[in-house]
Protein backbone atom coordinates (compact mmCIF):
# COMPACT_ATOMS: atom_id res chain seq x y z
CA MET A 1 -28.89 -2.49 117.69
CA ALA A 2 -26.23 -2.61 114.97
CA SER A 3 -25.33 -6.00 113.55
CA PRO A 4 -21.86 -7.21 114.48
CA LEU A 5 -19.26 -6.95 111.75
CA LEU A 6 -18.44 -10.05 109.81
CA GLU A 7 -14.82 -11.13 110.10
CA ARG A 8 -12.59 -12.65 107.45
CA THR A 9 -8.89 -13.38 107.30
CA VAL A 10 -7.04 -12.17 104.23
CA TYR A 11 -3.68 -13.61 103.16
CA ILE A 12 -1.52 -11.44 100.90
CA VAL A 13 1.03 -13.76 99.31
CA SER A 14 3.94 -12.55 97.21
CA ASP A 15 7.33 -13.70 95.99
CA SER A 16 8.61 -10.19 96.76
CA THR A 17 7.59 -7.58 99.37
CA GLY A 18 3.84 -7.98 98.90
CA ILE A 19 3.30 -4.23 98.84
CA THR A 20 1.67 -4.31 95.39
CA ALA A 21 -0.80 -7.00 96.43
CA GLU A 22 -1.46 -5.31 99.77
CA THR A 23 -2.26 -1.98 98.14
CA PHE A 24 -4.61 -3.61 95.65
CA SER A 25 -6.31 -5.70 98.34
CA HIS A 26 -6.97 -2.63 100.49
CA SER A 27 -8.62 -0.87 97.55
CA VAL A 28 -10.87 -3.84 96.81
CA LEU A 29 -11.77 -4.76 100.39
CA SER A 30 -12.59 -1.15 101.32
CA GLN A 31 -15.78 -1.61 99.29
CA PHE A 32 -17.14 -3.97 101.97
CA GLU A 33 -17.63 -1.83 105.05
CA GLU A 34 -19.76 -4.43 106.84
CA VAL A 35 -16.80 -6.82 107.02
CA HIS A 36 -13.79 -6.61 109.32
CA PHE A 37 -10.83 -7.97 107.39
CA ARG A 38 -7.70 -9.21 109.15
CA PRO A 39 -4.85 -8.92 106.63
CA ILE A 40 -1.78 -11.14 106.92
CA ARG A 41 1.04 -10.30 104.52
CA VAL A 42 3.29 -13.22 103.59
CA PRO A 43 6.25 -11.86 101.57
CA PHE A 44 9.20 -13.55 99.85
CA VAL A 45 7.42 -16.80 99.01
CA ASP A 46 10.06 -17.58 96.39
CA THR A 47 10.37 -21.36 96.68
CA LEU A 48 7.94 -24.24 96.43
CA ASP A 49 8.66 -25.22 100.04
CA LYS A 50 7.63 -21.76 101.21
CA ALA A 51 4.47 -22.04 99.13
CA LYS A 52 3.66 -25.33 100.86
CA ASP A 53 4.10 -23.65 104.25
CA VAL A 54 1.62 -20.96 103.17
CA VAL A 55 -0.88 -23.64 102.18
CA GLN A 56 -0.65 -25.13 105.66
CA ARG A 57 -1.26 -21.73 107.25
CA ILE A 58 -4.27 -21.06 105.04
CA ASN A 59 -5.78 -24.49 105.66
CA ARG A 60 -5.22 -24.16 109.40
CA ASN A 61 -6.98 -20.81 109.41
CA ALA A 62 -9.91 -22.20 107.41
CA ALA A 63 -10.27 -25.05 109.91
CA ASP A 64 -10.04 -22.75 112.94
CA THR A 65 -12.49 -20.11 111.67
CA GLY A 66 -14.85 -22.34 109.74
CA VAL A 67 -14.61 -20.19 106.58
CA PRO A 68 -11.99 -20.12 103.84
CA PRO A 69 -9.77 -17.02 104.00
CA ILE A 70 -9.37 -14.71 101.03
CA VAL A 71 -5.99 -15.03 99.31
CA PHE A 72 -4.51 -12.25 97.17
CA SER A 73 -1.49 -13.51 95.24
CA THR A 74 1.19 -11.92 93.08
CA LEU A 75 3.16 -15.15 92.72
CA VAL A 76 4.56 -15.57 89.23
CA ASP A 77 6.18 -19.00 89.52
CA PRO A 78 3.57 -21.41 88.11
CA LEU A 79 4.35 -24.25 90.53
CA SER A 80 4.19 -22.03 93.61
CA MET A 81 1.07 -20.33 92.35
CA GLU A 82 -0.75 -23.62 91.70
CA CYS A 83 0.37 -24.90 95.09
CA VAL A 84 -1.16 -21.94 96.92
CA ARG A 85 -4.23 -22.10 94.71
CA SER A 86 -4.85 -25.62 96.04
CA ALA A 87 -5.32 -24.34 99.60
CA ASN A 88 -8.75 -24.00 101.17
CA GLY A 89 -9.09 -20.31 100.39
CA VAL A 90 -10.71 -17.91 97.93
CA PHE A 91 -7.74 -17.49 95.58
CA LEU A 92 -7.27 -14.26 93.59
CA ASP A 93 -4.36 -14.30 91.14
CA LEU A 94 -3.59 -10.62 90.58
CA PHE A 95 -0.82 -11.10 88.00
CA GLY A 96 -2.42 -14.00 86.17
CA THR A 97 -5.65 -12.08 85.72
CA PHE A 98 -3.89 -9.49 83.58
CA VAL A 99 -0.72 -11.10 82.24
CA GLY A 100 -2.56 -13.60 80.04
CA HIS A 101 -4.58 -10.87 78.31
CA ILE A 102 -1.46 -8.77 77.74
CA GLU A 103 0.40 -11.79 76.35
CA GLN A 104 -2.39 -12.27 73.83
CA ALA A 105 -2.43 -8.60 72.90
CA LEU A 106 1.35 -8.44 72.40
CA GLY A 107 1.82 -11.89 70.96
CA LEU A 108 4.58 -12.46 73.51
CA LYS A 109 5.08 -14.60 76.58
CA SER A 110 5.93 -12.92 79.88
CA ASN A 111 9.20 -13.72 81.62
CA HIS A 112 7.59 -15.05 84.83
CA SER A 113 10.58 -13.70 86.77
CA VAL A 114 10.25 -13.84 90.55
CA GLY A 115 10.43 -10.43 92.21
CA ARG A 116 10.87 -8.57 88.92
CA SER A 117 8.77 -5.60 90.07
CA HIS A 118 11.35 -4.89 92.79
CA MET A 119 14.59 -5.77 90.99
CA ALA A 120 15.55 -2.22 90.08
CA ALA A 121 17.71 -1.40 93.12
CA ASN A 122 20.54 -0.22 90.88
CA SER A 123 18.39 1.47 88.24
CA GLU A 124 18.28 5.19 87.56
CA GLN A 125 14.63 5.23 88.61
CA TYR A 126 15.50 3.73 91.99
CA ARG A 127 18.34 6.18 92.53
CA ASN A 128 16.00 9.06 91.69
CA ARG A 129 13.64 7.92 94.42
CA ILE A 130 16.43 7.75 96.97
CA ASP A 131 17.61 11.24 95.99
CA ALA A 132 14.06 12.55 96.30
CA ILE A 133 13.63 10.97 99.75
CA ASN A 134 16.90 12.48 100.98
CA PHE A 135 15.87 15.87 99.58
CA SER A 136 12.44 15.75 101.24
CA LEU A 137 13.91 14.73 104.60
CA ALA A 138 16.47 17.53 104.44
CA HIS A 139 13.82 20.10 103.52
CA ASP A 140 11.17 19.00 106.01
CA ASP A 141 9.37 21.76 107.93
CA GLY A 142 11.67 24.47 106.59
CA GLN A 143 14.71 23.13 108.44
CA PHE A 144 17.00 23.51 105.41
CA ILE A 145 16.33 26.51 103.19
CA HIS A 146 19.07 26.06 100.60
CA GLN A 147 18.57 24.40 97.22
CA LEU A 148 14.83 25.10 97.17
CA ASP A 149 15.32 25.92 93.52
CA GLN A 150 15.84 22.17 93.02
CA ALA A 151 12.44 21.31 94.51
CA ASP A 152 9.71 20.02 92.21
CA VAL A 153 7.07 21.30 94.63
CA ILE A 154 7.04 23.14 97.96
CA LEU A 155 4.11 22.37 100.24
CA VAL A 156 2.99 25.15 102.59
CA GLY A 157 0.45 25.15 105.40
CA VAL A 158 0.05 25.35 109.14
CA SER A 159 1.85 22.93 111.42
CA ARG A 160 0.43 19.36 111.47
CA CYS A 161 -1.78 19.67 108.40
CA GLY A 162 -0.11 16.78 106.54
CA LYS A 163 2.84 18.37 104.78
CA THR A 164 5.51 15.92 105.91
CA PRO A 165 3.73 12.62 105.07
CA THR A 166 2.67 14.03 101.70
CA SER A 167 6.23 15.12 100.90
CA LEU A 168 7.65 11.71 101.76
CA TYR A 169 4.93 9.86 99.86
CA LEU A 170 5.63 11.92 96.73
CA ALA A 171 9.34 11.17 97.08
CA MET A 172 8.97 7.46 97.77
CA GLN A 173 6.32 6.71 95.17
CA TYR A 174 7.09 9.16 92.37
CA ALA A 175 10.67 10.44 92.92
CA ILE A 176 9.28 13.94 93.40
CA LYS A 177 11.59 16.32 95.27
CA ALA A 178 9.06 17.81 97.67
CA ALA A 179 10.04 20.38 100.27
CA ASN A 180 7.60 21.65 102.87
CA PHE A 181 7.47 24.89 104.78
CA PRO A 182 5.25 25.93 107.70
CA LEU A 183 3.05 29.01 107.73
CA THR A 184 3.23 30.48 111.22
CA PRO A 185 1.48 33.24 113.22
CA ASP A 186 4.50 35.48 112.53
CA ASP A 187 3.81 35.18 108.81
CA PHE A 188 0.16 36.05 109.35
CA GLU A 189 1.06 39.15 111.37
CA ARG A 190 3.37 40.33 108.58
CA GLY A 191 0.72 39.48 106.01
CA THR A 192 3.27 38.09 103.56
CA LEU A 193 4.69 34.75 102.53
CA PRO A 194 7.91 33.72 104.25
CA SER A 195 10.78 35.37 102.38
CA THR A 196 12.43 31.98 101.94
CA VAL A 197 9.66 30.55 99.75
CA ALA A 198 8.33 33.74 98.14
CA PRO A 199 10.82 33.57 95.22
CA HIS A 200 9.54 30.06 94.43
CA ARG A 201 5.86 30.99 94.24
CA ALA A 202 5.31 28.93 91.07
CA LYS A 203 6.27 25.76 92.96
CA LEU A 204 4.05 26.35 95.97
CA PHE A 205 1.02 24.23 96.81
CA GLY A 206 -0.99 24.69 99.97
CA LEU A 207 -2.46 22.16 102.38
CA SER A 208 -5.15 23.04 104.89
CA ILE A 209 -7.28 21.16 107.41
CA GLN A 210 -10.45 21.64 109.45
CA PRO A 211 -9.60 23.39 112.73
CA GLU A 212 -11.36 20.73 114.81
CA ARG A 213 -9.25 17.97 113.29
CA LEU A 214 -6.10 20.07 113.60
CA SER A 215 -6.78 20.56 117.31
CA GLU A 216 -7.12 16.80 117.75
CA VAL A 217 -3.84 16.14 115.97
CA ARG A 218 -1.96 18.82 117.88
CA ASN A 219 -3.34 17.61 121.22
CA GLU A 220 -1.79 14.22 120.53
CA ARG A 221 1.58 15.95 120.21
CA ARG A 222 1.28 18.70 122.85
CA PRO A 223 -1.79 18.12 125.04
CA LYS A 224 -3.60 21.14 126.50
CA SER A 225 -1.15 23.60 124.99
CA GLN A 226 -1.97 26.96 123.43
CA TYR A 227 -0.67 25.44 120.20
CA ALA A 228 -3.44 22.82 120.31
CA LYS A 229 -6.37 25.00 121.44
CA LEU A 230 -9.28 25.09 119.04
CA THR A 231 -9.30 28.90 119.00
CA GLN A 232 -5.65 28.95 117.98
CA CYS A 233 -6.24 26.33 115.28
CA ARG A 234 -9.21 28.29 113.90
CA TYR A 235 -7.11 31.43 113.74
CA GLU A 236 -4.16 29.77 112.00
CA VAL A 237 -6.27 27.86 109.46
CA ALA A 238 -8.32 30.95 108.56
CA GLU A 239 -5.22 33.10 108.17
CA ALA A 240 -3.36 30.47 106.15
CA GLU A 241 -6.26 30.01 103.75
CA ARG A 242 -6.65 33.79 103.44
CA MET A 243 -2.95 34.11 102.60
CA MET A 244 -3.09 31.33 100.00
CA ARG A 245 -6.11 32.90 98.31
CA ARG A 246 -4.44 36.32 98.33
CA GLU A 247 -1.20 34.94 96.90
CA GLY A 248 -2.95 32.83 94.27
CA ILE A 249 -1.66 29.53 95.66
CA SER A 250 -3.66 26.42 94.83
CA TRP A 251 -4.57 24.44 97.94
CA LEU A 252 -6.78 21.68 99.30
CA SER A 253 -8.07 20.48 102.64
CA THR A 254 -6.52 17.24 103.83
CA THR A 255 -9.20 16.55 106.46
CA THR A 256 -11.07 13.75 104.73
CA LYS A 257 -8.53 12.76 102.09
CA SER A 258 -6.11 9.85 102.04
CA ILE A 259 -2.43 10.44 101.44
CA GLU A 260 -2.85 8.93 97.97
CA GLU A 261 -5.61 11.41 97.12
CA ILE A 262 -3.60 14.35 98.40
CA ALA A 263 -0.49 13.34 96.45
CA THR A 264 -2.46 12.75 93.24
CA THR A 265 -4.07 16.19 93.52
CA VAL A 266 -0.68 17.82 94.07
CA LEU A 267 0.72 16.08 90.98
CA GLN A 268 -2.20 17.22 88.85
CA GLU A 269 -2.37 20.79 90.12
CA VAL A 270 1.37 21.45 89.93
CA GLY A 271 1.67 19.67 86.59
CA LEU A 272 4.23 17.10 87.65
CA GLU A 273 4.71 13.79 85.86
CA ARG A 274 4.90 10.59 87.83
CA SER A 275 8.28 8.87 87.68
CA ASN A 276 7.26 5.47 89.10
């Protein structure tokens, strides 16, 4: 009989959105498969009073569960940070761990500005991300075929293989203008790439997926349909992969990969530079 999973509460405390701390915490905690972590993100802790409220929540949790929760923090205000550090939790100061070493290396003091990592709403970098998101939404699933020459990459593959989430992730994280276009049974019967994307062959990157997983995904969308049958999925995946090999299009299977892994592979294979 398998041992029950250990449980531990995790507080993710930030003076901004907490997304940076949350991403880092997920990467670290994923190394402990025998533990079930319950993450609680506490964003916008930008005053000492809010920090004191967080301390009360952490202490209450420690008393209720009998174990101190784990606390990931990206607080930069020293008073707020020390306040939260005083709580009955296992405190991990993500910024402090690195900032001090960088200060020594540069011979400079950091600004300790609250929310600085998300203060670029009017910057060119931020505007580029918004433009990329709008582009990817407009060019999702081949619904808008104009301006494909402006795309940084065009993802191709069968329906429901992960093209849309990958396109949006590339846009949101790296300001990459990613279009995506479906490969359909009509394309396989013709034996050629869709005429819309053929002129942009150098920008194409293919995504595939195991037929069994594709059938599961499609059944969630259209249960018991021909579209979701395993035989149909096997046919489409085999034909799509055959077409990509024939056309010399680099591709990967998304079946066991996270969205981060897929996006990173696309960036490397297509030779795109990250803009984040």
